[in-house]
Amino acid sequence: MAGVFDVWKPPGESEPLYSYSVITVESSPSMSWIHHRMPAILTSDEEIEEWLNFGETPLNKASKLIQPVTCIQSHPVSSVVNNSRHNSPECVKKIDPSKPKKSAGSAFMSAWLSKGAKVKSEAEPPEKKPKIS
């Protein structure tokens, strides 16, 4: 992603402040259903090199690199991405949204219910068929 950065050194012996901002652009048609803006994505090694070589790349050439791209693919993922503490492969793993979600609570309840059915069947004596003489 294209971005800008700066390092501000305060007077005295204070620690420097590092800042970074991601540059956004109008969404490409394939992403506009999610949001009207998207990050400016650099799609090749050449574009990345030009962007990072900001001391020698003219501004007009650099500004042409920041545009909506259509090479992005998307797929549904788990709601674990909604929590910033999660940083695992599960955040990007493709899911099938038509399948019912299994939460820890629903898995516990299913196990508990099936255990109850098993215990009940073991506790009840089998039905006796009357003898026909």
N, C-alpha and C. Protein backbone atom coordinates (compact mmCIF):
# COMPACT_ATOMS: atom_id res chain seq x y z
N MET A 1 0.85 -1.18 0.00
CA MET A 1 0.00 0.00 0.00
C MET A 1 0.89 1.23 0.00
N ALA A 2 0.44 2.21 -0.69
CA ALA A 2 1.18 3.47 -0.72
C ALA A 2 0.86 4.26 0.54
N GLY A 3 1.84 4.93 1.05
CA GLY A 3 1.65 5.73 2.26
C GLY A 3 2.70 6.81 2.34
N VAL A 4 2.55 7.64 3.33
CA VAL A 4 3.53 8.69 3.62
C VAL A 4 3.95 8.53 5.07
N PHE A 5 5.15 8.97 5.39
CA PHE A 5 5.65 8.84 6.75
C PHE A 5 6.46 10.08 7.12
N ASP A 6 6.69 10.21 8.41
CA ASP A 6 7.52 11.30 8.90
C ASP A 6 8.08 10.90 10.26
N VAL A 7 9.20 11.47 10.59
CA VAL A 7 9.78 11.31 11.92
C VAL A 7 9.98 12.71 12.47
N TRP A 8 9.32 13.00 13.58
CA TRP A 8 9.45 14.32 14.21
C TRP A 8 10.33 14.17 15.43
N LYS A 9 11.40 14.96 15.45
CA LYS A 9 12.32 14.91 16.58
C LYS A 9 12.09 16.15 17.44
N PRO A 10 11.52 15.95 18.61
CA PRO A 10 11.27 17.09 19.48
C PRO A 10 12.58 17.64 20.03
N PRO A 11 12.55 18.91 20.44
CA PRO A 11 13.77 19.49 21.02
C PRO A 11 14.13 18.76 22.32
N GLY A 12 15.38 18.72 22.61
CA GLY A 12 15.82 18.07 23.83
C GLY A 12 16.10 16.60 23.62
N GLU A 13 15.93 15.86 24.68
CA GLU A 13 16.27 14.44 24.64
C GLU A 13 15.05 13.52 24.54
N SER A 14 13.92 14.07 24.15
CA SER A 14 12.71 13.25 24.03
C SER A 14 12.83 12.29 22.85
N GLU A 15 12.06 11.22 22.95
CA GLU A 15 12.03 10.21 21.90
C GLU A 15 11.40 10.80 20.62
N PRO A 16 11.88 10.38 19.44
CA PRO A 16 11.25 10.85 18.20
C PRO A 16 9.85 10.26 18.05
N LEU A 17 9.02 10.97 17.31
CA LEU A 17 7.66 10.51 17.04
C LEU A 17 7.60 10.06 15.59
N TYR A 18 7.28 8.77 15.41
CA TYR A 18 7.16 8.20 14.07
C TYR A 18 5.68 8.19 13.69
N SER A 19 5.39 8.65 12.48
CA SER A 19 3.99 8.63 12.03
C SER A 19 3.93 8.10 10.59
N TYR A 20 2.78 7.50 10.29
CA TYR A 20 2.58 6.90 8.98
C TYR A 20 1.11 7.00 8.63
N SER A 21 0.81 7.28 7.39
CA SER A 21 -0.57 7.31 6.92
C SER A 21 -0.68 6.54 5.62
N VAL A 22 -1.73 5.75 5.51
CA VAL A 22 -2.00 5.03 4.28
C VAL A 22 -2.78 5.97 3.36
N ILE A 23 -2.38 6.04 2.12
CA ILE A 23 -3.08 6.88 1.15
C ILE A 23 -4.28 6.09 0.62
N THR A 24 -5.43 6.75 0.59
CA THR A 24 -6.62 6.10 0.06
C THR A 24 -7.06 6.78 -1.22
N VAL A 25 -7.81 6.03 -2.02
CA VAL A 25 -8.34 6.51 -3.29
C VAL A 25 -9.80 6.07 -3.39
N GLU A 26 -10.50 6.57 -4.37
CA GLU A 26 -11.87 6.11 -4.63
C GLU A 26 -11.82 4.61 -4.90
N SER A 27 -12.80 3.87 -4.40
CA SER A 27 -12.82 2.41 -4.59
C SER A 27 -12.95 2.02 -6.05
N SER A 28 -12.32 0.90 -6.36
CA SER A 28 -12.51 0.31 -7.68
C SER A 28 -13.91 -0.31 -7.71
N PRO A 29 -14.46 -0.55 -8.89
CA PRO A 29 -15.81 -1.14 -8.97
C PRO A 29 -15.94 -2.46 -8.19
N SER A 30 -14.89 -3.26 -8.16
CA SER A 30 -14.98 -4.55 -7.46
C SER A 30 -15.00 -4.41 -5.94
N MET A 31 -14.61 -3.26 -5.43
CA MET A 31 -14.56 -3.06 -3.98
C MET A 31 -15.57 -2.03 -3.47
N SER A 32 -16.25 -1.36 -4.36
CA SER A 32 -17.13 -0.25 -3.93
C SER A 32 -18.31 -0.72 -3.09
N TRP A 33 -18.68 -1.99 -3.17
CA TRP A 33 -19.79 -2.49 -2.35
C TRP A 33 -19.40 -2.55 -0.87
N ILE A 34 -18.09 -2.58 -0.59
CA ILE A 34 -17.62 -2.61 0.80
C ILE A 34 -17.50 -1.21 1.36
N HIS A 35 -16.88 -0.31 0.58
CA HIS A 35 -16.63 1.07 1.05
C HIS A 35 -16.32 1.94 -0.16
N HIS A 36 -16.55 3.23 -0.01
CA HIS A 36 -16.32 4.14 -1.13
C HIS A 36 -14.84 4.50 -1.31
N ARG A 37 -13.98 4.14 -0.33
CA ARG A 37 -12.54 4.40 -0.44
C ARG A 37 -11.81 3.07 -0.27
N MET A 38 -10.58 3.04 -0.76
CA MET A 38 -9.73 1.86 -0.59
C MET A 38 -8.28 2.33 -0.53
N PRO A 39 -7.37 1.52 0.02
CA PRO A 39 -5.96 1.91 0.03
C PRO A 39 -5.41 1.97 -1.40
N ALA A 40 -4.50 2.88 -1.61
CA ALA A 40 -3.79 2.92 -2.89
C ALA A 40 -2.79 1.77 -2.86
N ILE A 41 -2.98 0.81 -3.73
CA ILE A 41 -2.17 -0.40 -3.73
C ILE A 41 -1.17 -0.38 -4.87
N LEU A 42 0.08 -0.60 -4.52
CA LEU A 42 1.14 -0.67 -5.52
C LEU A 42 1.22 -2.13 -5.96
N THR A 43 1.12 -2.38 -7.26
CA THR A 43 0.92 -3.75 -7.74
C THR A 43 2.15 -4.44 -8.33
N SER A 44 3.26 -3.77 -8.41
CA SER A 44 4.45 -4.43 -8.97
C SER A 44 5.69 -3.97 -8.21
N ASP A 45 6.75 -4.73 -8.37
CA ASP A 45 8.02 -4.35 -7.74
C ASP A 45 8.50 -2.99 -8.26
N GLU A 46 8.26 -2.74 -9.53
CA GLU A 46 8.66 -1.47 -10.13
C GLU A 46 7.92 -0.29 -9.47
N GLU A 47 6.61 -0.45 -9.30
CA GLU A 47 5.83 0.61 -8.64
C GLU A 47 6.30 0.84 -7.21
N ILE A 48 6.56 -0.24 -6.50
CA ILE A 48 7.03 -0.12 -5.11
C ILE A 48 8.37 0.60 -5.07
N GLU A 49 9.27 0.21 -5.96
CA GLU A 49 10.60 0.85 -6.01
C GLU A 49 10.48 2.34 -6.31
N GLU A 50 9.64 2.70 -7.28
CA GLU A 50 9.44 4.11 -7.61
C GLU A 50 8.86 4.87 -6.42
N TRP A 51 7.89 4.25 -5.74
CA TRP A 51 7.25 4.93 -4.62
C TRP A 51 8.24 5.14 -3.46
N LEU A 52 9.03 4.12 -3.18
CA LEU A 52 9.98 4.22 -2.08
C LEU A 52 11.17 5.11 -2.40
N ASN A 53 11.46 5.30 -3.67
CA ASN A 53 12.56 6.15 -4.09
C ASN A 53 12.05 7.60 -4.24
N PHE A 54 11.42 8.08 -3.18
CA PHE A 54 10.75 9.38 -3.24
C PHE A 54 11.71 10.55 -3.47
N GLY A 55 12.97 10.36 -3.20
CA GLY A 55 13.93 11.45 -3.41
C GLY A 55 14.24 11.67 -4.89
N GLU A 56 14.06 10.64 -5.72
CA GLU A 56 14.40 10.75 -7.13
C GLU A 56 13.19 10.64 -8.06
N THR A 57 12.07 10.11 -7.57
CA THR A 57 10.88 9.98 -8.41
C THR A 57 10.13 11.30 -8.42
N PRO A 58 9.89 11.88 -9.59
CA PRO A 58 9.16 13.14 -9.66
C PRO A 58 7.74 12.98 -9.10
N LEU A 59 7.22 14.02 -8.48
CA LEU A 59 5.90 13.98 -7.86
C LEU A 59 4.81 13.58 -8.85
N ASN A 60 4.86 14.10 -10.08
CA ASN A 60 3.81 13.76 -11.05
C ASN A 60 3.84 12.27 -11.41
N LYS A 61 5.03 11.66 -11.42
CA LYS A 61 5.13 10.22 -11.70
C LYS A 61 4.63 9.41 -10.50
N ALA A 62 4.99 9.84 -9.30
CA ALA A 62 4.54 9.16 -8.08
C ALA A 62 3.03 9.25 -7.93
N SER A 63 2.44 10.39 -8.25
CA SER A 63 0.99 10.55 -8.08
C SER A 63 0.19 9.67 -9.04
N LYS A 64 0.80 9.30 -10.18
CA LYS A 64 0.11 8.39 -11.11
C LYS A 64 0.05 6.95 -10.58
N LEU A 65 0.87 6.65 -9.58
CA LEU A 65 0.88 5.31 -8.99
C LEU A 65 -0.30 5.10 -8.04
N ILE A 66 -0.86 6.19 -7.54
CA ILE A 66 -1.95 6.05 -6.57
C ILE A 66 -3.29 6.18 -7.27
N GLN A 67 -3.85 5.01 -7.54
CA GLN A 67 -5.13 4.92 -8.25
C GLN A 67 -5.84 3.64 -7.84
N PRO A 68 -7.14 3.56 -8.05
CA PRO A 68 -7.84 2.31 -7.73
C PRO A 68 -7.32 1.17 -8.61
N VAL A 69 -7.23 0.01 -8.01
CA VAL A 69 -6.77 -1.16 -8.78
C VAL A 69 -7.89 -2.20 -8.81
N THR A 70 -7.87 -3.01 -9.84
CA THR A 70 -8.91 -4.04 -10.00
C THR A 70 -8.37 -5.44 -9.78
N CYS A 71 -7.11 -5.56 -9.40
CA CYS A 71 -6.50 -6.89 -9.24
C CYS A 71 -6.78 -7.50 -7.87
N ILE A 72 -7.69 -6.92 -7.13
CA ILE A 72 -7.99 -7.41 -5.78
C ILE A 72 -9.09 -8.47 -5.85
N GLN A 73 -8.91 -9.51 -5.08
CA GLN A 73 -9.94 -10.54 -4.95
C GLN A 73 -10.42 -10.53 -3.50
N SER A 74 -11.67 -10.86 -3.31
CA SER A 74 -12.19 -10.91 -1.95
C SER A 74 -12.95 -12.20 -1.72
N HIS A 75 -13.07 -12.57 -0.46
CA HIS A 75 -13.86 -13.73 -0.07
C HIS A 75 -14.31 -13.53 1.37
N PRO A 76 -15.42 -14.18 1.76
CA PRO A 76 -15.91 -14.05 3.13
C PRO A 76 -14.91 -14.66 4.12
N VAL A 77 -14.77 -14.01 5.27
CA VAL A 77 -13.91 -14.51 6.34
C VAL A 77 -14.67 -14.51 7.65
N SER A 78 -14.10 -15.14 8.63
CA SER A 78 -14.70 -15.24 9.96
C SER A 78 -14.82 -13.86 10.62
N SER A 79 -15.73 -13.75 11.55
CA SER A 79 -15.88 -12.49 12.28
C SER A 79 -14.75 -12.26 13.27
N VAL A 80 -13.79 -13.18 13.37
CA VAL A 80 -12.64 -12.94 14.26
C VAL A 80 -11.85 -11.71 13.81
N VAL A 81 -11.99 -11.32 12.55
CA VAL A 81 -11.27 -10.13 12.07
C VAL A 81 -11.78 -8.85 12.73
N ASN A 82 -12.95 -8.92 13.37
CA ASN A 82 -13.53 -7.75 14.01
C ASN A 82 -12.86 -7.40 15.34
N ASN A 83 -11.95 -8.23 15.79
CA ASN A 83 -11.26 -7.99 17.05
C ASN A 83 -9.78 -7.79 16.75
N SER A 84 -9.26 -6.63 17.10
CA SER A 84 -7.87 -6.29 16.78
C SER A 84 -6.86 -7.17 17.51
N ARG A 85 -7.28 -7.91 18.53
CA ARG A 85 -6.36 -8.80 19.24
C ARG A 85 -6.06 -10.06 18.45
N HIS A 86 -6.89 -10.37 17.46
CA HIS A 86 -6.67 -11.58 16.66
C HIS A 86 -5.68 -11.29 15.54
N ASN A 87 -4.67 -12.12 15.46
CA ASN A 87 -3.67 -12.02 14.40
C ASN A 87 -3.24 -13.44 14.06
N SER A 88 -4.12 -14.13 13.32
CA SER A 88 -3.85 -15.53 13.01
C SER A 88 -4.32 -15.81 11.59
N PRO A 89 -3.94 -16.97 11.06
CA PRO A 89 -4.41 -17.35 9.71
C PRO A 89 -5.93 -17.40 9.61
N GLU A 90 -6.62 -17.59 10.74
CA GLU A 90 -8.07 -17.64 10.73
C GLU A 90 -8.67 -16.32 10.23
N CYS A 91 -7.94 -15.23 10.37
CA CYS A 91 -8.43 -13.91 9.92
C CYS A 91 -8.59 -13.83 8.41
N VAL A 92 -7.86 -14.63 7.66
CA VAL A 92 -7.94 -14.57 6.20
C VAL A 92 -8.47 -15.84 5.57
N LYS A 93 -8.75 -16.85 6.40
CA LYS A 93 -9.24 -18.13 5.88
C LYS A 93 -10.64 -17.96 5.30
N LYS A 94 -10.82 -18.47 4.09
CA LYS A 94 -12.11 -18.38 3.41
C LYS A 94 -13.14 -19.24 4.14
N ILE A 95 -14.34 -18.69 4.32
CA ILE A 95 -15.42 -19.44 4.94
C ILE A 95 -16.61 -19.51 3.99
N ASP A 96 -17.50 -20.43 4.26
CA ASP A 96 -18.75 -20.55 3.51
C ASP A 96 -19.85 -19.91 4.35
N PRO A 97 -20.33 -18.72 3.99
CA PRO A 97 -21.32 -18.03 4.82
C PRO A 97 -22.67 -18.73 4.87
N SER A 98 -22.92 -19.70 3.98
CA SER A 98 -24.20 -20.40 4.01
C SER A 98 -24.24 -21.49 5.09
N LYS A 99 -23.07 -21.89 5.58
CA LYS A 99 -23.02 -22.89 6.64
C LYS A 99 -23.30 -22.21 7.98
N PRO A 100 -24.04 -22.87 8.86
CA PRO A 100 -24.33 -22.26 10.16
C PRO A 100 -23.04 -22.09 10.97
N LYS A 101 -23.00 -20.99 11.73
CA LYS A 101 -21.82 -20.71 12.54
C LYS A 101 -21.85 -21.59 13.78
N LYS A 102 -20.70 -22.11 14.15
CA LYS A 102 -20.59 -22.89 15.37
C LYS A 102 -19.77 -22.09 16.36
N SER A 103 -20.44 -21.57 17.36
CA SER A 103 -19.74 -20.84 18.41
C SER A 103 -19.32 -21.83 19.49
N ALA A 104 -18.50 -21.37 20.43
CA ALA A 104 -18.10 -22.24 21.53
C ALA A 104 -19.34 -22.65 22.32
N GLY A 105 -20.26 -21.73 22.48
CA GLY A 105 -21.49 -22.01 23.22
C GLY A 105 -22.36 -23.04 22.52
N SER A 106 -22.49 -22.92 21.19
CA SER A 106 -23.33 -23.88 20.47
C SER A 106 -22.68 -25.26 20.45
N ALA A 107 -21.36 -25.32 20.35
CA ALA A 107 -20.66 -26.61 20.38
C ALA A 107 -20.85 -27.26 21.75
N PHE A 108 -20.75 -26.47 22.83
CA PHE A 108 -20.96 -26.98 24.18
C PHE A 108 -22.38 -27.49 24.35
N MET A 109 -23.35 -26.71 23.87
CA MET A 109 -24.76 -27.09 24.00
C MET A 109 -25.05 -28.37 23.22
N SER A 110 -24.52 -28.49 22.01
CA SER A 110 -24.72 -29.70 21.21
C SER A 110 -24.15 -30.93 21.93
N ALA A 111 -22.94 -30.77 22.47
CA ALA A 111 -22.31 -31.88 23.20
C ALA A 111 -23.13 -32.24 24.43
N TRP A 112 -23.59 -31.23 25.14
CA TRP A 112 -24.38 -31.46 26.35
C TRP A 112 -25.69 -32.15 26.03
N LEU A 113 -26.36 -31.69 24.96
CA LEU A 113 -27.64 -32.30 24.59
C LEU A 113 -27.45 -33.74 24.13
N SER A 114 -26.42 -34.01 23.35
CA SER A 114 -26.20 -35.38 22.87
C SER A 114 -25.79 -36.28 24.03
N LYS A 115 -25.08 -35.75 24.99
CA LYS A 115 -24.70 -36.53 26.17
C LYS A 115 -25.96 -36.88 26.97
N GLY A 116 -26.87 -35.92 27.10
CA GLY A 116 -28.11 -36.18 27.82
C GLY A 116 -28.93 -37.26 27.16
N ALA A 117 -28.99 -37.26 25.86
CA ALA A 117 -29.75 -38.29 25.14
C ALA A 117 -29.12 -39.65 25.34
N LYS A 118 -27.80 -39.70 25.36
CA LYS A 118 -27.09 -40.96 25.55
C LYS A 118 -27.32 -41.48 26.96
N VAL A 119 -27.21 -40.60 27.94
CA VAL A 119 -27.40 -41.00 29.33
C VAL A 119 -28.83 -41.48 29.54
N LYS A 120 -29.79 -40.80 28.95
CA LYS A 120 -31.20 -41.17 29.09
C LYS A 120 -31.43 -42.57 28.53
N SER A 121 -30.89 -42.87 27.37
CA SER A 121 -31.11 -44.17 26.75
C SER A 121 -30.45 -45.29 27.54
N GLU A 122 -29.35 -44.99 28.22
CA GLU A 122 -28.68 -46.00 29.02
C GLU A 122 -29.41 -46.22 30.34
N ALA A 123 -30.04 -45.16 30.86
CA ALA A 123 -30.70 -45.25 32.15
C ALA A 123 -32.02 -46.00 32.07
N GLU A 124 -32.72 -45.92 30.97
CA GLU A 124 -34.01 -46.58 30.83
C GLU A 124 -33.80 -48.02 30.39
N PRO A 125 -34.47 -48.92 31.08
CA PRO A 125 -34.33 -50.32 30.65
C PRO A 125 -35.01 -50.52 29.31
N PRO A 126 -34.53 -51.44 28.52
CA PRO A 126 -35.15 -51.67 27.22
C PRO A 126 -36.58 -52.16 27.41
N GLU A 127 -37.41 -51.80 26.47
CA GLU A 127 -38.80 -52.24 26.55
C GLU A 127 -38.86 -53.75 26.41
N LYS A 128 -39.72 -54.35 27.26
CA LYS A 128 -39.88 -55.79 27.17
C LYS A 128 -41.11 -56.09 26.33
N LYS A 129 -40.94 -57.00 25.42
CA LYS A 129 -42.07 -57.40 24.57
C LYS A 129 -42.81 -58.51 25.29
N PRO A 130 -44.11 -58.40 25.28
CA PRO A 130 -44.85 -59.48 25.94
C PRO A 130 -44.68 -60.80 25.19
N LYS A 131 -44.59 -61.85 25.96
CA LYS A 131 -44.47 -63.18 25.36
C LYS A 131 -45.83 -63.63 24.86
N ILE A 132 -45.80 -64.17 23.70
CA ILE A 132 -47.04 -64.70 23.14
C ILE A 132 -46.99 -66.21 23.29
N SER A 133 -47.97 -66.79 23.97
CA SER A 133 -47.97 -68.22 24.15
C SER A 133 -49.07 -68.87 23.36
